[in-house]
C-alpha atoms as a PDB file:
ATOM      1  CA  MET A   1     127.535 122.891  36.694  1.00  0.00           C
ATOM      2  CA  ILE A   2     126.332 122.899  40.369  1.00  0.00           C
ATOM      3  CA  THR A   3     124.071 120.476  40.028  1.00  0.00           C
ATOM      4  CA  ALA A   4     126.213 118.031  38.390  1.00  0.00           C
ATOM      5  CA  MET A   5     129.003 118.704  40.998  1.00  0.00           C
ATOM      6  CA  THR A   6     126.393 117.998  43.703  1.00  0.00           C
ATOM      7  CA  GLY A   7     125.110 115.003  42.034  1.00  0.00           C
ATOM      8  CA  GLY A   8     128.624 113.505  41.893  1.00  0.00           C
ATOM      9  CA  GLN A   9     129.319 113.961  45.522  1.00  0.00           C
ATOM     10  CA  VAL A  10     129.283 110.582  47.290  1.00  0.00           C
ATOM     11  CA  GLY A  11     127.059 110.488  50.164  1.00  0.00           C
ATOM     12  CA  ALA A  12     125.171 113.977  49.547  1.00  0.00           C
ATOM     13  CA  ALA A  13     121.780 114.460  49.979  1.00  0.00           C
ATOM     14  CA  PRO A  14     119.387 115.104  46.457  1.00  0.00           C
ATOM     15  CA  VAL A  15     118.234 118.618  45.850  1.00  0.00           C
ATOM     16  CA  ASP A  16     114.837 119.099  44.883  1.00  0.00           C
ATOM     17  CA  ALA A  17     114.206 120.610  41.952  1.00  0.00           C
ATOM     18  CA  GLY A  18     113.202 124.221  41.748  1.00  0.00           C
ATOM     19  CA  GLN A  19     114.543 124.379  45.150  1.00  0.00           C
ATOM     20  CA  PRO A  20     117.419 126.760  45.834  1.00  0.00           C
ATOM     21  CA  LEU A  21     120.652 125.301  47.160  1.00  0.00           C
ATOM     22  CA  GLY A  22     121.102 127.656  50.158  1.00  0.00           C
ATOM     23  CA  ARG A  23     117.404 126.440  51.313  1.00  0.00           C
ATOM     24  CA  ALA A  24     117.872 122.862  50.742  1.00  0.00           C
ATOM     25  CA  TRP A  25     121.294 123.173  52.846  1.00  0.00           C
ATOM     26  CA  ARG A  26     120.215 123.611  56.809  1.00  0.00           C
ATOM     27  CA  PRO A  27     122.726 123.315  59.425  1.00  0.00           C
ATOM     28  CA  TYR A  28     122.948 121.646  62.379  1.00  0.00           C
ATOM     29  CA  ARG A  29     121.793 123.722  65.172  1.00  0.00           C
ATOM     30  CA  GLY A  30     121.880 121.422  68.021  1.00  0.00           C
ATOM     31  CA  VAL A  31     120.340 122.706  71.455  1.00  0.00           C
ATOM     32  CA  TYR A  32     119.523 125.716  69.845  1.00  0.00           C
ATOM     33  CA  GLY A  33     116.675 124.406  67.610  1.00  0.00           C
ATOM     34  CA  ALA A  34     115.057 122.743  70.733  1.00  0.00           C
ATOM     35  CA  ARG A  35     113.304 126.106  71.552  1.00  0.00           C
ATOM     36  CA  GLY A  36     111.346 126.330  68.374  1.00  0.00           C
ATOM     37  CA  ARG A  37     109.995 122.863  68.746  1.00  0.00           C
ATOM     38  CA  LEU A  38     108.650 123.098  72.577  1.00  0.00           C
ATOM     39  CA  SER A  39     105.291 124.579  72.987  1.00  0.00           C
ATOM     40  CA  TRP A  40     104.338 127.696  75.132  1.00  0.00           C
ATOM     41  CA  PRO A  41     103.103 125.350  77.880  1.00  0.00           C
ATOM     42  CA  ALA A  42     106.442 123.189  77.792  1.00  0.00           C
ATOM     43  CA  ARG A  43     108.147 126.557  78.075  1.00  0.00           C
ATOM     44  CA  ILE A  44     105.945 127.986  80.651  1.00  0.00           C
ATOM     45  CA  ALA A  45     106.375 124.675  83.019  1.00  0.00           C
ATOM     46  CA  LEU A  46     110.414 124.564  82.552  1.00  0.00           C
ATOM     47  CA  ILE A  47     110.228 128.080  83.821  1.00  0.00           C
ATOM     48  CA  ALA A  48     107.579 127.745  86.688  1.00  0.00           C
ATOM     49  CA  VAL A  49     108.375 124.537  87.903  1.00  0.00           C
ATOM     50  CA  PRO A  50     111.690 125.255  89.282  1.00  0.00           C
ATOM     51  CA  ILE A  51     110.307 128.803  90.629  1.00  0.00           C
ATOM     52  CA  GLY A  52     107.538 126.754  92.396  1.00  0.00           C
ATOM     53  CA  LEU A  53     109.710 124.579  93.750  1.00  0.00           C
ATOM     54  CA  LEU A  54     111.441 126.585  95.566  1.00  0.00           C
ATOM     55  CA  LEU A  55     108.811 128.962  96.601  1.00  0.00           C
ATOM     56  CA  PHE A  56     107.511 125.538  98.202  1.00  0.00           C
ATOM     57  CA  SER A  57     110.938 124.926  99.964  1.00  0.00           C
ATOM     58  CA  VAL A  58     110.965 128.629 101.359  1.00  0.00           C
ATOM     59  CA  ILE A  59     107.569 128.146 102.586  1.00  0.00           C
ATOM     60  CA  ARG A  60     108.056 124.596 104.357  1.00  0.00           C
ATOM     61  CA  VAL A  61     111.439 126.168 106.201  1.00  0.00           C
ATOM     62  CA  LEU A  62     109.227 128.501 107.371  1.00  0.00           C
ATOM     63  CA  ILE A  63     106.875 126.419 108.700  1.00  0.00           C
ATOM     64  CA  VAL A  64     109.350 124.464 110.291  1.00  0.00           C
ATOM     65  CA  ALA A  65     110.827 127.292 111.965  1.00  0.00           C
ATOM     66  CA  ASP A  66     107.548 128.231 113.433  1.00  0.00           C
ATOM     67  CA  TYR A  67     108.000 131.670 111.200  1.00  0.00           C
ATOM     68  CA  ASN A  68     110.704 133.058 112.411  1.00  0.00           C
ATOM     69  CA  LEU A  69     113.361 134.214 109.826  1.00  0.00           C
ATOM     70  CA  ALA A  70     116.449 133.973 111.800  1.00  0.00           C
ATOM     71  CA  THR A  71     115.795 130.034 112.632  1.00  0.00           C
ATOM     72  CA  ALA A  72     114.934 129.528 108.807  1.00  0.00           C
ATOM     73  CA  SER A  73     118.077 131.226 107.778  1.00  0.00           C
ATOM     74  CA  ALA A  74     120.211 128.984 110.260  1.00  0.00           C
ATOM     75  CA  ILE A  75     118.587 126.254 109.122  1.00  0.00           C
ATOM     76  CA  ALA A  76     118.974 126.629 105.724  1.00  0.00           C
ATOM     77  CA  SER A  77     122.767 127.807 105.814  1.00  0.00           C
ATOM     78  CA  SER A  78     123.761 125.075 108.632  1.00  0.00           C
ATOM     79  CA  GLY A  79     122.219 122.152 106.425  1.00  0.00           C
ATOM     80  CA  GLY A  80     123.124 123.393 102.887  1.00  0.00           C
ATOM     81  CA  TYR A  81     120.685 125.095 100.547  1.00  0.00           C
ATOM     82  CA  VAL A  82     120.448 122.306  98.347  1.00  0.00           C
ATOM     83  CA  ASP A  83     120.233 119.595 100.807  1.00  0.00           C
ATOM     84  CA  THR A  84     117.225 122.050 102.166  1.00  0.00           C
ATOM     85  CA  LEU A  85     115.729 122.139  99.216  1.00  0.00           C
ATOM     86  CA  LEU A  86     115.734 118.511  98.700  1.00  0.00           C
ATOM     87  CA  GLY A  87     114.701 117.852 102.500  1.00  0.00           C
ATOM     88  CA  THR A  88     111.919 120.038 102.432  1.00  0.00           C
ATOM     89  CA  ILE A  89     110.076 118.634  99.122  1.00  0.00           C
ATOM     90  CA  ILE A  90     110.964 114.838  99.358  1.00  0.00           C
ATOM     91  CA  PRO A  91     108.960 113.807 102.461  1.00  0.00           C
ATOM     92  CA  LEU A  92     105.862 115.516 100.881  1.00  0.00           C
ATOM     93  CA  VAL A  93     105.904 113.969  97.654  1.00  0.00           C
ATOM     94  CA  PRO A  94     103.748 110.883  99.145  1.00  0.00           C
ATOM     95  CA  ILE A  95     101.102 113.783  99.981  1.00  0.00           C
ATOM     96  CA  PHE A  96     100.766 115.350  97.151  1.00  0.00           C
ATOM     97  CA  THR A  97     101.090 112.506  94.383  1.00  0.00           C
ATOM     98  CA  PRO A  98      97.486 111.871  94.420  1.00  0.00           C
ATOM     99  CA  TYR A  99      96.289 115.084  93.741  1.00  0.00           C
ATOM    100  CA  LEU A 100      98.937 115.269  91.034  1.00  0.00           C
ATOM    101  CA  GLY A 101      97.616 112.439  89.697  1.00  0.00           C
ATOM    102  CA  LEU A 102      93.840 113.810  89.588  1.00  0.00           C
ATOM    103  CA  LEU A 103      95.476 116.887  88.088  1.00  0.00           C
ATOM    104  CA  LEU A 104      97.067 115.009  85.106  1.00  0.00           C
ATOM    105  CA  LEU A 105      94.087 113.177  84.113  1.00  0.00           C
ATOM    106  CA  PHE A 106      91.907 115.919  84.276  1.00  0.00           C
ATOM    107  CA  PHE A 107      94.137 118.172  81.628  1.00  0.00           C
ATOM    108  CA  GLY A 108      94.366 114.638  79.248  1.00  0.00           C
ATOM    109  CA  ARG A 109      97.352 113.213  80.559  1.00  0.00           C
ATOM    110  CA  VAL A 110      96.102 109.985  81.378  1.00  0.00           C
ATOM    111  CA  ILE A 111      98.846 107.814  80.906  1.00  0.00           C
ATOM    112  CA  ALA A 112     101.048 109.712  83.177  1.00  0.00           C
ATOM    113  CA  GLY A 113      98.105 110.359  85.616  1.00  0.00           C
ATOM    114  CA  ILE A 114      97.372 106.677  86.074  1.00  0.00           C
ATOM    115  CA  LEU A 115     100.981 106.185  86.329  1.00  0.00           C
ATOM    116  CA  MET A 116     101.148 108.665  88.962  1.00  0.00           C
ATOM    117  CA  LEU A 117      98.181 107.229  90.857  1.00  0.00           C
ATOM    118  CA  LEU A 118      99.394 103.718  90.973  1.00  0.00           C
ATOM    119  CA  ALA A 119     102.828 105.414  92.535  1.00  0.00           C
ATOM    120  CA  ALA A 120     100.381 106.902  95.218  1.00  0.00           C
ATOM    121  CA  ALA A 121      98.815 103.910  95.640  1.00  0.00           C
ATOM    122  CA  PHE A 122     101.984 102.229  96.759  1.00  0.00           C
ATOM    123  CA  MET A 123     103.617 105.011  98.929  1.00  0.00           C
ATOM    124  CA  SER A 124     101.251 107.828  99.991  1.00  0.00           C
ATOM    125  CA  PRO A 125      99.951 107.218 103.726  1.00  0.00           C
ATOM    126  CA  LEU A 126      95.798 106.682 104.235  1.00  0.00           C
ATOM    127  CA  VAL A 127      94.343 108.460 107.122  1.00  0.00           C
ATOM    128  CA  LEU A 128      91.836 105.555 107.038  1.00  0.00           C
ATOM    129  CA  ALA A 129      92.595 101.982 108.100  1.00  0.00           C
ATOM    130  CA  ARG A 130      93.756  99.652 105.034  1.00  0.00           C
ATOM    131  CA  PRO A 131      90.770  97.157 105.428  1.00  0.00           C
ATOM    132  CA  VAL A 132      88.355 100.194 105.395  1.00  0.00           C
ATOM    133  CA  ALA A 133      89.748 101.952 102.674  1.00  0.00           C
ATOM    134  CA  VAL A 134      89.476  99.061 100.670  1.00  0.00           C
ATOM    135  CA  HIS A 135      85.886  98.555 101.111  1.00  0.00           C
ATOM    136  CA  LEU A 136      84.940 102.316 101.081  1.00  0.00           C
ATOM    137  CA  PRO A 137      84.226 102.072  97.267  1.00  0.00           C
ATOM    138  CA  ASN A 138      81.611  99.345  97.867  1.00  0.00           C
ATOM    139  CA  HIS A 139      80.264 101.019 100.735  1.00  0.00           C
ATOM    140  CA  ASP A 140      79.627 104.055  98.740  1.00  0.00           C
ATOM    141  CA  TRP A 141      78.388 102.418  95.720  1.00  0.00           C
ATOM    142  CA  TYR A 142      75.682 100.507  98.230  1.00  0.00           C
ATOM    143  CA  SER A 143      74.544 103.612  99.875  1.00  0.00           C
ATOM    144  CA  ALA A 144      74.257 105.960  96.397  1.00  0.00           C
ATOM    145  CA  THR A 145      72.328 102.889  94.882  1.00  0.00           C
ATOM    146  CA  HIS A 146      69.993 101.939  97.842  1.00  0.00           C
ATOM    147  CA  ARG A 147      68.883 104.742  99.695  1.00  0.00           C
ATOM    148  CA  SER A 148      67.308 106.753  97.175  1.00  0.00           C
ATOM    149  CA  LEU A 149      65.780 105.676  93.797  1.00  0.00           C
ATOM    150  CA  LEU A 150      66.360 109.265  92.452  1.00  0.00           C
ATOM    151  CA  ILE A 151      69.984 109.212  93.012  1.00  0.00           C
ATOM    152  CA  LEU A 152      69.922 105.782  91.668  1.00  0.00           C
ATOM    153  CA  LEU A 153      67.790 107.385  87.963  1.00  0.00           C
ATOM    154  CA  VAL A 154      70.380 110.254  87.700  1.00  0.00           C
ATOM    155  CA  MET A 155      73.034 107.904  87.480  1.00  0.00           C
ATOM    156  CA  ILE A 156      71.716 105.882  85.066  1.00  0.00           C
ATOM    157  CA  VAL A 157      70.625 108.769  82.892  1.00  0.00           C
ATOM    158  CA  LEU A 158      74.624 110.281  83.425  1.00  0.00           C
ATOM    159  CA  ALA A 159      75.775 107.256  82.604  1.00  0.00           C
ATOM    160  CA  ALA A 160      73.809 106.779  79.276  1.00  0.00           C
ATOM    161  CA  ALA A 161      74.735 110.203  78.419  1.00  0.00           C
ATOM    162  CA  PHE A 162      78.625 109.573  78.778  1.00  0.00           C
ATOM    163  CA  ALA A 163      78.264 106.488  76.369  1.00  0.00           C
ATOM    164  CA  ILE A 164      76.367 108.418  73.777  1.00  0.00           C
ATOM    165  CA  LEU A 165      79.172 110.953  74.007  1.00  0.00           C
ATOM    166  CA  LEU A 166      81.990 108.575  73.692  1.00  0.00           C
ATOM    167  CA  VAL A 167      80.403 106.869  70.868  1.00  0.00           C
ATOM    168  CA  LEU A 168      80.130 110.205  68.749  1.00  0.00           C
ATOM    169  CA  GLU A 169      83.904 111.166  69.777  1.00  0.00           C
ATOM    170  CA  LEU A 170      85.487 107.864  68.957  1.00  0.00           C
ATOM    171  CA  ALA A 171      84.887 109.451  65.064  1.00  0.00           C
ATOM    172  CA  LEU A 172      87.267 112.202  66.434  1.00  0.00           C
ATOM    173  CA  GLY A 173      90.014 109.711  67.418  1.00  0.00           C
ATOM    174  CA  PHE A 174      90.670 107.555  70.476  1.00  0.00           C
ATOM    175  CA  ALA A 175      93.014 110.385  71.640  1.00  0.00           C
ATOM    176  CA  VAL A 176      89.937 112.585  72.436  1.00  0.00           C
ATOM    177  CA  VAL A 177      87.797 109.701  73.891  1.00  0.00           C
ATOM    178  CA  ALA A 178      90.801 109.206  76.432  1.00  0.00           C
ATOM    179  CA  ARG A 179      91.258 112.806  77.140  1.00  0.00           C
ATOM    180  CA  THR A 180      87.249 112.669  77.939  1.00  0.00           C
ATOM    181  CA  VAL A 181      87.832 109.497  80.312  1.00  0.00           C
ATOM    182  CA  GLY A 182      90.534 110.729  82.207  1.00  0.00           C
ATOM    183  CA  ALA A 183      88.561 113.964  83.053  1.00  0.00           C
ATOM    184  CA  VAL A 184      85.163 111.980  84.033  1.00  0.00           C
ATOM    185  CA  ALA A 185      87.795 109.561  86.140  1.00  0.00           C
ATOM    186  CA  CYS A 186      89.335 112.433  87.994  1.00  0.00           C
ATOM    187  CA  ILE A 187      85.746 113.819  88.764  1.00  0.00           C
ATOM    188  CA  LEU A 188      84.566 110.395  90.018  1.00  0.00           C
ATOM    189  CA  LEU A 189      88.364 110.004  92.104  1.00  0.00           C
ATOM    190  CA  ILE A 190      88.055 113.206  93.875  1.00  0.00           C
ATOM    191  CA  PRO A 191      85.951 112.333  96.706  1.00  0.00           C
ATOM    192  CA  PHE A 192      87.857 108.916  97.105  1.00  0.00           C
ATOM    193  CA  VAL A 193      90.924 110.543  97.307  1.00  0.00           C
ATOM    194  CA  MET A 194      90.272 113.009  99.600  1.00  0.00           C
ATOM    195  CA  SER A 195      88.857 110.439 101.883  1.00  0.00           C
ATOM    196  CA  LEU A 196      91.707 108.403 102.076  1.00  0.00           C
ATOM    197  CA  VAL A 197      94.574 111.006 101.606  1.00  0.00           C
ATOM    198  CA  PRO A 198      92.968 114.342 102.694  1.00  0.00           C
ATOM    199  CA  PHE A 199      94.437 117.597 101.609  1.00  0.00           C
ATOM    200  CA  PRO A 200      96.870 118.647 103.944  1.00  0.00           C
ATOM    201  CA  LEU A 201      95.620 121.749 105.341  1.00  0.00           C
ATOM    202  CA  ASN A 202      92.355 119.765 106.304  1.00  0.00           C
ATOM    203  CA  HIS A 203      93.845 117.194 108.360  1.00  0.00           C
ATOM    204  CA  GLU A 204      95.648 117.219 111.577  1.00  0.00           C
ATOM    205  CA  PHE A 205      97.658 113.907 110.431  1.00  0.00           C
ATOM    206  CA  TYR A 206      99.383 116.156 107.520  1.00  0.00           C
ATOM    207  CA  THR A 207      99.713 119.134 109.232  1.00  0.00           C
ATOM    208  CA  GLU A 208     102.212 117.846 111.666  1.00  0.00           C
ATOM    209  CA  VAL A 209     103.808 116.244 109.013  1.00  0.00           C
ATOM    210  CA  LEU A 210     104.174 119.692 107.161  1.00  0.00           C
ATOM    211  CA  LYS A 211     106.024 121.101 110.560  1.00  0.00           C
ATOM    212  CA  GLN A 212     107.881 118.067 110.978  1.00  0.00           C
ATOM    213  CA  PRO A 213     111.562 119.030 110.044  1.00  0.00           C
ATOM    214  CA  TRP A 214     112.914 116.310 107.801  1.00  0.00           C
ATOM    215  CA  GLN A 215     116.015 115.431 109.881  1.00  0.00           C
ATOM    216  CA  PRO A 216     115.199 112.557 112.382  1.00  0.00           C
ATOM    217  CA  ALA A 217     113.949 113.610 116.267  1.00  0.00           C
ATOM    218  CA  GLU A 218     117.114 112.985 119.047  1.00  0.00           C
ATOM    219  CA  VAL A 219     117.043 112.953 122.603  1.00  0.00           C
ATOM    220  CA  ILE A 220     120.685 114.836 123.127  1.00  0.00           C
ATOM    221  CA  THR A 221     121.910 114.621 126.541  1.00  0.00           C
ATOM    222  CA  LEU A 222     124.495 116.831 127.803  1.00  0.00           C
ATOM    223  CA  THR A 223     127.438 116.335 129.831  1.00  0.00           C
ATOM    224  CA  SER A 224     125.639 118.627 132.236  1.00  0.00           C
ATOM    225  CA  GLY A 225     123.098 116.153 132.562  1.00  0.00           C
ATOM    226  CA  GLN A 226     120.257 118.177 130.761  1.00  0.00           C
ATOM    227  CA  ARG A 227     118.156 116.519 128.241  1.00  0.00           C
ATOM    228  CA  LEU A 228     116.363 118.176 125.144  1.00  0.00           C
ATOM    229  CA  ILE A 229     114.604 117.078 122.070  1.00  0.00           C
ATOM    230  CA  GLY A 230     115.975 118.223 118.794  1.00  0.00           C
ATOM    231  CA  TYR A 231     116.755 117.798 115.488  1.00  0.00           C
ATOM    232  CA  VAL A 232     120.454 118.004 114.468  1.00  0.00           C
ATOM    233  CA  VAL A 233     120.888 120.466 111.607  1.00  0.00           C
ATOM    234  CA  SER A 234     124.686 120.119 110.892  1.00  0.00           C
ATOM    235  CA  ASP A 235     127.512 118.177 112.607  1.00  0.00           C
ATOM    236  CA  THR A 236     130.713 119.609 111.402  1.00  0.00           C
ATOM    237  CA  GLY A 237     132.822 118.068 114.138  1.00  0.00           C
ATOM    238  CA  THR A 238     133.389 121.220 115.525  1.00  0.00           C
ATOM    239  CA  TRP A 239     130.041 122.466 116.147  1.00  0.00           C
ATOM    240  CA  LEU A 240     126.588 120.731 116.652  1.00  0.00           C
ATOM    241  CA  VAL A 241     124.010 122.635 115.515  1.00  0.00           C
ATOM    242  CA  VAL A 242     120.284 121.780 117.002  1.00  0.00           C
ATOM    243  CA  LEU A 243     116.896 122.928 116.091  1.00  0.00           C
ATOM    244  CA  SER A 244     114.879 122.671 119.675  1.00  0.00           C
ATOM    245  CA  GLU A 245     111.503 120.737 119.144  1.00  0.00           C
ATOM    246  CA  GLY A 246     109.667 122.749 121.820  1.00  0.00           C
ATOM    247  CA  THR A 247     110.804 126.360 121.088  1.00  0.00           C
ATOM    248  CA  ARG A 248     111.939 125.929 117.249  1.00  0.00           C
ATOM    249  CA  THR A 249     115.262 127.755 118.211  1.00  0.00           C
ATOM    250  CA  ILE A 250     119.117 127.193 117.085  1.00  0.00           C
ATOM    251  CA  SER A 251     121.313 126.123 119.725  1.00  0.00           C
ATOM    252  CA  TYR A 252     125.001 125.078 118.986  1.00  0.00           C
ATOM    253  CA  TYR A 253     127.010 122.708 121.314  1.00  0.00           C
ATOM    254  CA  ARG A 254     130.737 122.062 121.467  1.00  0.00           C
ATOM    255  CA  PRO A 255     131.418 117.978 120.608  1.00  0.00           C
ATOM    256  CA  ALA A 256     132.612 117.708 124.157  1.00  0.00           C
ATOM    257  CA  GLN A 257     129.271 119.030 125.759  1.00  0.00           C
ATOM    258  CA  VAL A 258     127.243 116.108 124.245  1.00  0.00           C
ATOM    259  CA  ALA A 259     127.197 112.821 126.358  1.00  0.00           C
ATOM    260  CA  SER A 260     124.972 111.038 124.114  1.00  0.00           C
ATOM    261  CA  ARG A 261     122.476 111.125 121.378  1.00  0.00           C
ATOM    262  CA  GLN A 262     119.701 108.608 120.547  1.00  0.00           C
ATOM    263  CA  ILE A 263     116.816 108.833 117.871  1.00  0.00           C
ATOM    264  CA  CYS A 264     113.533 108.986 118.564  1.00  0.00           C
ATOM    265  CA  GLN A 265     109.866 109.555 117.185  1.00  0.00           C
ATOM    266  CA  ILE A 266     107.874 112.507 118.108  1.00  0.00           C
ATOM    267  CA  MET A 267     104.641 110.423 117.210  1.00  0.00           C
ATOM    268  CA  SER A 268     104.175 107.330 119.058  1.00  0.00           C
ATOM    269  CA  ALA A 269     101.298 106.477 116.841  1.00  0.00           C
ATOM    270  CA  ARG A 270     101.886 103.562 114.355  1.00  0.00           C
ATOM    271  CA  PRO A 271     103.220 104.661 110.925  1.00  0.00           C
ATOM    272  CA  ALA A 272     100.173 105.074 108.233  1.00  0.00           C
ATOM    273  CA  GLN A 273      99.980 102.273 105.359  1.00  0.00           C
ATOM    274  CA  PRO A 274      99.753 102.884 101.605  1.00  0.00           C
ATOM    275  CA  LEU A 275      96.708 101.570 100.206  1.00  0.00           C
ATOM    276  CA  VAL A 276      99.148  98.846  98.493  1.00  0.00           C
ATOM    277  CA  PRO A 277     101.850  98.166 101.089  1.00  0.00           C
ATOM    278  CA  VAL A 278     104.848  96.267  99.956  1.00  0.00           C
ATOM    279  CA  PHE A 279     105.620  94.477 102.698  1.00  0.00           C
ATOM    280  CA  PRO A 280     102.255  94.242 104.861  1.00  0.00           C
ATOM    281  CA  ALA A 281     103.817  92.019 107.570  1.00  0.00           C
ATOM    282  CA  HIS A 282     106.653  94.788 108.746  1.00  0.00           C
ATOM    283  CA  LEU A 283     104.288  97.312 108.288  1.00  0.00           C
ATOM    284  CA  LYS A 284     101.546  96.007 110.570  1.00  0.00           C
ATOM    285  CA  SER A 285     104.321  95.213 113.062  1.00  0.00           C
ATOM    286  CA  ALA A 286     105.176  98.008 116.163  1.00  0.00           C
ATOM    287  CA  THR A 287     107.577 100.410 115.176  1.00  0.00           C
ATOM    288  CA  SER A 288     111.299  99.571 116.935  1.00  0.00           C
ATOM    289  CA  THR A 289     111.759 103.352 117.102  1.00  0.00           C
ATOM    290  CA  PRO A 290     111.198 104.674 120.757  1.00  0.00           C
ATOM    291  CA  ALA A 291     109.484 107.487 121.571  1.00  0.00           C
ATOM    292  CA  CYS A 292     110.688 110.792 122.500  1.00  0.00           C
ATOM    293  CA  ALA A 293     108.902 111.722 125.824  1.00  0.00           C
ATOM    294  CA  GLY A 294     109.562 108.308 126.794  1.00  0.00           C
ATOM    295  CA  LEU A 295     113.410 108.721 126.455  1.00  0.00           C
ATOM    296  CA  LEU A 296     113.090 112.633 128.084  1.00  0.00           C
ATOM    297  CA  THR A 297     111.680 111.134 131.467  1.00  0.00           C
ATOM    298  CA  GLY A 298     113.937 108.003 131.515  1.00  0.00           C
ATOM    299  CA  HIS A 299     117.390 107.636 132.999  1.00  0.00           C
ATOM    300  CA  ALA A 300     120.325 108.547 130.707  1.00  0.00           C
ATOM    301  CA  ARG A 301     122.239 105.829 128.931  1.00  0.00           C
END
């Protein structure tokens, strides 16, 4: 009776013979079924990534505030917690993008790793000059193959062993071969990436970037004649909250106390170029933003 009634309904799904009717009909669980489809690494990543970003933002605020808890709290509360979170993370994305691409390659995410490295080529600032960076692989290859015959023989043996390994892995599928190639490419690219984009803790340029606040530097001239270099954390119309560049302390000024403000740059050096600049002519030209030191010693406008 039940089978006949089910078969007579329009659009009803057929029921397999021998399968209980209650088990054949499974209600739609919506988002509640997503947890069962996620693997344990994906679940851990969903929890670890937001926590890691939050901790990274807190560390960056402490670095900018020169590890002064009162100043760090004032920066976060004056600028807004969401703006502070985005401001601390976004300026560092170009620096860490190449290393994230290498990690993705090493763990078998070949397509994602290649896309990440391509993005780094367009936005990550280089320590070396761009012509030197372009010819760096050729220089390293010439040094490795012409200075020592033993190094050349070792490279040939390793290349032959790698080729044999790839041929053997073809029987297991293309995905296994891609993961192997990604891991080897990661190892080979580590010296090249560290030469072009050194890890932030090992180079003065990147340590200065870590200490630099995300707001633009300004030369603020007060009505009393005093001039200072600082970063405007918040401008509510009632109070102007300024982070001092030299002492890294927070100061509050009324709008009537401020005579003029002019954006400047702390470092007078030309901005570093990426490996593949989108606008080469613009990047090669001198920057139009004046240096803060020159405005501070000049006459007020």
